Amino acid sequence: MVKEKTRYKAVIADHTYTIIGQESKQHMDLVTKLVNEQLAEIKHISPQTNDEQASVLLAINAISDQLKKQEKVLNLEQEVAELKKRTIRLAELENRIKRIEAIEEEARGVLKKNGQEDVEIHNHMEAQQILNENRKQQIQSKSTQDQ
């Protein structure tokens, strides 16, 4: 939804300006207040500065701050992208762990069924070997039954 443009009257350094934009009155009041405060601060620090010079200095400060904030936003966006990649990788690793745990649990079930509950499984490769051996025995058993 597009915001409607509104006119706003701002008094900055004793000059009235009509500003047209989409921001709320509260936002523009705050902007006007900050601009006047910063102009007063510049003139306090450097009393010989006229309104035009103070305005240019304020604009330079504002653009400098904006550039710093844009750089920070870009850095944060890069960080978010990296964290998303890491989150995806973490989810992949969690899924792998679940599959390994399922293989190990199935292997323990085979050992229990074969009365070998005291056999310890040290890693998923051993668990897979137990399952492979069990399947091999099932195939051999079935082929001898079919003969």
C-alpha atoms as a PDB file:
ATOM      1  CA  MET A   1       0.000   0.000   0.000  1.00  0.00           C
ATOM      2  CA  VAL A   2       1.443   3.360  -1.061  1.00  0.00           C
ATOM      3  CA  LYS A   3       1.415   6.056   1.586  1.00  0.00           C
ATOM      4  CA  GLU A   4      -0.155   9.333   0.596  1.00  0.00           C
ATOM      5  CA  LYS A   5       2.216  12.285   0.334  1.00  0.00           C
ATOM      6  CA  THR A   6       1.598  15.056   2.817  1.00  0.00           C
ATOM      7  CA  ARG A   7       2.858  18.596   3.225  1.00  0.00           C
ATOM      8  CA  TYR A   8       4.737  19.474   6.354  1.00  0.00           C
ATOM      9  CA  LYS A   9       5.807  22.951   7.490  1.00  0.00           C
ATOM     10  CA  ALA A  10       9.181  22.909   9.238  1.00  0.00           C
ATOM     11  CA  VAL A  11      10.924  25.811  10.915  1.00  0.00           C
ATOM     12  CA  ILE A  12      14.664  25.297  10.695  1.00  0.00           C
ATOM     13  CA  ALA A  13      17.106  27.989  11.814  1.00  0.00           C
ATOM     14  CA  ASP A  14      14.294  30.554  11.822  1.00  0.00           C
ATOM     15  CA  HIS A  15      13.340  29.754   8.204  1.00  0.00           C
ATOM     16  CA  THR A  16      10.078  28.033   7.244  1.00  0.00           C
ATOM     17  CA  TYR A  17      10.251  25.148   4.779  1.00  0.00           C
ATOM     18  CA  THR A  18       7.447  23.136   3.213  1.00  0.00           C
ATOM     19  CA  ILE A  19       8.454  19.493   3.046  1.00  0.00           C
ATOM     20  CA  ILE A  20       6.450  17.005   0.987  1.00  0.00           C
ATOM     21  CA  GLY A  21       6.790  13.351   1.879  1.00  0.00           C
ATOM     22  CA  GLN A  22       5.221  10.193   3.213  1.00  0.00           C
ATOM     23  CA  GLU A  23       6.486  10.363   6.767  1.00  0.00           C
ATOM     24  CA  SER A  24       4.234  11.026   9.744  1.00  0.00           C
ATOM     25  CA  LYS A  25       4.003  14.415  11.454  1.00  0.00           C
ATOM     26  CA  GLN A  26       5.664  12.908  14.557  1.00  0.00           C
ATOM     27  CA  HIS A  27       8.590  11.725  12.432  1.00  0.00           C
ATOM     28  CA  MET A  28       9.006  15.110  10.775  1.00  0.00           C
ATOM     29  CA  ASP A  29       8.709  16.909  14.143  1.00  0.00           C
ATOM     30  CA  LEU A  30      11.575  14.759  15.431  1.00  0.00           C
ATOM     31  CA  VAL A  31      13.660  15.390  12.297  1.00  0.00           C
ATOM     32  CA  THR A  32      13.101  19.138  12.574  1.00  0.00           C
ATOM     33  CA  LYS A  33      13.993  19.106  16.263  1.00  0.00           C
ATOM     34  CA  LEU A  34      17.218  17.153  15.648  1.00  0.00           C
ATOM     35  CA  VAL A  35      18.253  19.391  12.740  1.00  0.00           C
ATOM     36  CA  ASN A  36      17.741  22.526  14.857  1.00  0.00           C
ATOM     37  CA  GLU A  37      19.665  20.988  17.772  1.00  0.00           C
ATOM     38  CA  GLN A  38      22.566  19.967  15.560  1.00  0.00           C
ATOM     39  CA  LEU A  39      22.678  23.334  13.820  1.00  0.00           C
ATOM     40  CA  ALA A  40      22.734  25.057  17.230  1.00  0.00           C
ATOM     41  CA  GLU A  41      25.540  22.732  18.357  1.00  0.00           C
ATOM     42  CA  ILE A  42      27.619  23.502  15.241  1.00  0.00           C
ATOM     43  CA  LYS A  43      27.130  27.239  15.750  1.00  0.00           C
ATOM     44  CA  HIS A  44      27.993  26.892  19.455  1.00  0.00           C
ATOM     45  CA  ILE A  45      31.227  25.059  18.647  1.00  0.00           C
ATOM     46  CA  SER A  46      32.097  27.455  15.835  1.00  0.00           C
ATOM     47  CA  PRO A  47      30.312  30.811  16.429  1.00  0.00           C
ATOM     48  CA  GLN A  48      31.745  32.430  13.300  1.00  0.00           C
ATOM     49  CA  THR A  49      29.884  29.857  11.139  1.00  0.00           C
ATOM     50  CA  ASN A  50      26.875  31.289   9.299  1.00  0.00           C
ATOM     51  CA  ASP A  51      23.597  29.394   8.678  1.00  0.00           C
ATOM     52  CA  GLU A  52      24.627  28.227   5.209  1.00  0.00           C
ATOM     53  CA  GLN A  53      27.995  26.907   6.385  1.00  0.00           C
ATOM     54  CA  ALA A  54      26.404  25.214   9.395  1.00  0.00           C
ATOM     55  CA  SER A  55      23.823  23.625   7.078  1.00  0.00           C
ATOM     56  CA  VAL A  56      26.562  22.289   4.796  1.00  0.00           C
ATOM     57  CA  LEU A  57      28.466  20.882   7.785  1.00  0.00           C
ATOM     58  CA  LEU A  58      25.256  19.281   9.074  1.00  0.00           C
ATOM     59  CA  ALA A  59      24.609  17.745   5.645  1.00  0.00           C
ATOM     60  CA  ILE A  60      28.167  16.378   5.536  1.00  0.00           C
ATOM     61  CA  ASN A  61      27.751  14.878   9.019  1.00  0.00           C
ATOM     62  CA  ALA A  62      24.379  13.380   8.054  1.00  0.00           C
ATOM     63  CA  ILE A  63      25.724  11.796   4.845  1.00  0.00           C
ATOM     64  CA  SER A  64      28.766  10.481   6.704  1.00  0.00           C
ATOM     65  CA  ASP A  65      26.520   8.892   9.337  1.00  0.00           C
ATOM     66  CA  GLN A  66      24.281   7.490   6.605  1.00  0.00           C
ATOM     67  CA  LEU A  67      27.227   5.872   4.819  1.00  0.00           C
ATOM     68  CA  LYS A  68      28.454   4.309   8.069  1.00  0.00           C
ATOM     69  CA  LYS A  69      24.981   2.941   8.775  1.00  0.00           C
ATOM     70  CA  GLN A  70      24.622   1.607   5.216  1.00  0.00           C
ATOM     71  CA  GLU A  71      27.957  -0.173   5.574  1.00  0.00           C
ATOM     72  CA  LYS A  72      26.802  -1.627   8.872  1.00  0.00           C
ATOM     73  CA  VAL A  73      23.526  -2.769   7.258  1.00  0.00           C
ATOM     74  CA  LEU A  74      25.465  -4.439   4.426  1.00  0.00           C
ATOM     75  CA  ASN A  75      27.717  -6.181   6.939  1.00  0.00           C
ATOM     76  CA  LEU A  76      24.695  -7.348   8.929  1.00  0.00           C
ATOM     77  CA  GLU A  77      23.008  -8.597   5.747  1.00  0.00           C
ATOM     78  CA  GLN A  78      26.144 -10.580   4.898  1.00  0.00           C
ATOM     79  CA  GLU A  79      26.201 -11.961   8.420  1.00  0.00           C
ATOM     80  CA  VAL A  80      22.540 -12.959   8.163  1.00  0.00           C
ATOM     81  CA  ALA A  81      23.230 -14.703   4.836  1.00  0.00           C
ATOM     82  CA  GLU A  82      26.158 -16.583   6.401  1.00  0.00           C
ATOM     83  CA  LEU A  83      24.059 -17.556   9.417  1.00  0.00           C
ATOM     84  CA  LYS A  84      21.330 -18.852   7.092  1.00  0.00           C
ATOM     85  CA  LYS A  85      23.928 -21.001   5.303  1.00  0.00           C
ATOM     86  CA  ARG A  86      25.212 -22.276   8.645  1.00  0.00           C
ATOM     87  CA  THR A  87      21.655 -22.999   9.787  1.00  0.00           C
ATOM     88  CA  ILE A  88      21.021 -25.048   6.646  1.00  0.00           C
ATOM     89  CA  ARG A  89      24.295 -26.918   7.187  1.00  0.00           C
ATOM     90  CA  LEU A  90      23.354 -27.544  10.817  1.00  0.00           C
ATOM     91  CA  ALA A  91      19.965 -28.943   9.771  1.00  0.00           C
ATOM     92  CA  GLU A  92      21.722 -31.220   7.263  1.00  0.00           C
ATOM     93  CA  LEU A  93      24.093 -32.449   9.968  1.00  0.00           C
ATOM     94  CA  GLU A  94      21.213 -33.034  12.383  1.00  0.00           C
ATOM     95  CA  ASN A  95      19.453 -35.120   9.714  1.00  0.00           C
ATOM     96  CA  ARG A  96      22.626 -37.144   9.153  1.00  0.00           C
ATOM     97  CA  ILE A  97      22.924 -37.771  12.891  1.00  0.00           C
ATOM     98  CA  LYS A  98      19.305 -38.935  13.025  1.00  0.00           C
ATOM     99  CA  ARG A  99      19.913 -41.343  10.126  1.00  0.00           C
ATOM    100  CA  ILE A 100      23.077 -42.660  11.818  1.00  0.00           C
ATOM    101  CA  GLU A 101      21.224 -43.079  15.119  1.00  0.00           C
ATOM    102  CA  ALA A 102      18.453 -44.959  13.294  1.00  0.00           C
ATOM    103  CA  ILE A 103      21.029 -47.286  11.703  1.00  0.00           C
ATOM    104  CA  GLU A 104      22.685 -47.879  15.064  1.00  0.00           C
ATOM    105  CA  GLU A 105      19.330 -48.537  16.720  1.00  0.00           C
ATOM    106  CA  GLU A 106      18.366 -50.991  13.995  1.00  0.00           C
ATOM    107  CA  ALA A 107      21.740 -52.732  14.395  1.00  0.00           C
ATOM    108  CA  ARG A 108      21.189 -53.016  18.170  1.00  0.00           C
ATOM    109  CA  GLY A 109      17.818 -54.587  17.421  1.00  0.00           C
ATOM    110  CA  VAL A 110      19.460 -57.152  15.146  1.00  0.00           C
ATOM    111  CA  LEU A 111      22.073 -57.935  17.803  1.00  0.00           C
ATOM    112  CA  LYS A 112      19.370 -58.309  20.440  1.00  0.00           C
ATOM    113  CA  LYS A 113      17.354 -60.596  18.173  1.00  0.00           C
ATOM    114  CA  ASN A 114      20.469 -62.728  17.621  1.00  0.00           C
ATOM    115  CA  GLY A 115      21.212 -62.857  21.357  1.00  0.00           C
ATOM    116  CA  GLN A 116      24.298 -60.678  21.062  1.00  0.00           C
ATOM    117  CA  GLU A 117      23.190 -57.815  23.313  1.00  0.00           C
ATOM    118  CA  ASP A 118      26.641 -57.592  24.897  1.00  0.00           C
ATOM    119  CA  VAL A 119      28.284 -56.646  21.569  1.00  0.00           C
ATOM    120  CA  GLU A 120      29.186 -52.960  21.598  1.00  0.00           C
ATOM    121  CA  ILE A 121      28.743 -50.778  18.504  1.00  0.00           C
ATOM    122  CA  HIS A 122      31.542 -48.206  18.318  1.00  0.00           C
ATOM    123  CA  ASN A 123      30.485 -46.240  15.230  1.00  0.00           C
ATOM    124  CA  HIS A 124      27.965 -46.125  12.442  1.00  0.00           C
ATOM    125  CA  MET A 125      30.236 -48.122  10.125  1.00  0.00           C
ATOM    126  CA  GLU A 126      30.107 -51.073  12.514  1.00  0.00           C
ATOM    127  CA  ALA A 127      26.339 -50.661  12.747  1.00  0.00           C
ATOM    128  CA  GLN A 128      26.039 -50.683   8.952  1.00  0.00           C
ATOM    129  CA  GLN A 129      28.244 -53.775   8.740  1.00  0.00           C
ATOM    130  CA  ILE A 130      25.968 -55.561  11.242  1.00  0.00           C
ATOM    131  CA  LEU A 131      22.928 -54.644   9.153  1.00  0.00           C
ATOM    132  CA  ASN A 132      24.641 -55.674   5.915  1.00  0.00           C
ATOM    133  CA  GLU A 133      25.635 -59.012   7.420  1.00  0.00           C
ATOM    134  CA  ASN A 134      22.088 -59.532   8.696  1.00  0.00           C
ATOM    135  CA  ARG A 135      20.619 -58.792   5.259  1.00  0.00           C
ATOM    136  CA  LYS A 136      23.150 -61.106   3.637  1.00  0.00           C
ATOM    137  CA  GLN A 137      22.107 -63.894   6.010  1.00  0.00           C
ATOM    138  CA  GLN A 138      18.423 -63.209   5.285  1.00  0.00           C
ATOM    139  CA  ILE A 139      19.063 -63.448   1.529  1.00  0.00           C
ATOM    140  CA  GLN A 140      21.067 -66.661   1.958  1.00  0.00           C
ATOM    141  CA  SER A 141      18.375 -68.118   4.196  1.00  0.00           C
ATOM    142  CA  LYS A 142      15.664 -67.250   1.715  1.00  0.00           C
ATOM    143  CA  SER A 143      17.624 -68.713  -1.226  1.00  0.00           C
ATOM    144  CA  THR A 144      18.184 -72.005   0.624  1.00  0.00           C
ATOM    145  CA  GLN A 145      14.454 -72.164   1.448  1.00  0.00           C
ATOM    146  CA  ASP A 146      13.548 -71.605  -2.209  1.00  0.00           C
ATOM    147  CA  GLN A 147      15.730 -74.522  -3.339  1.00  0.00           C
END
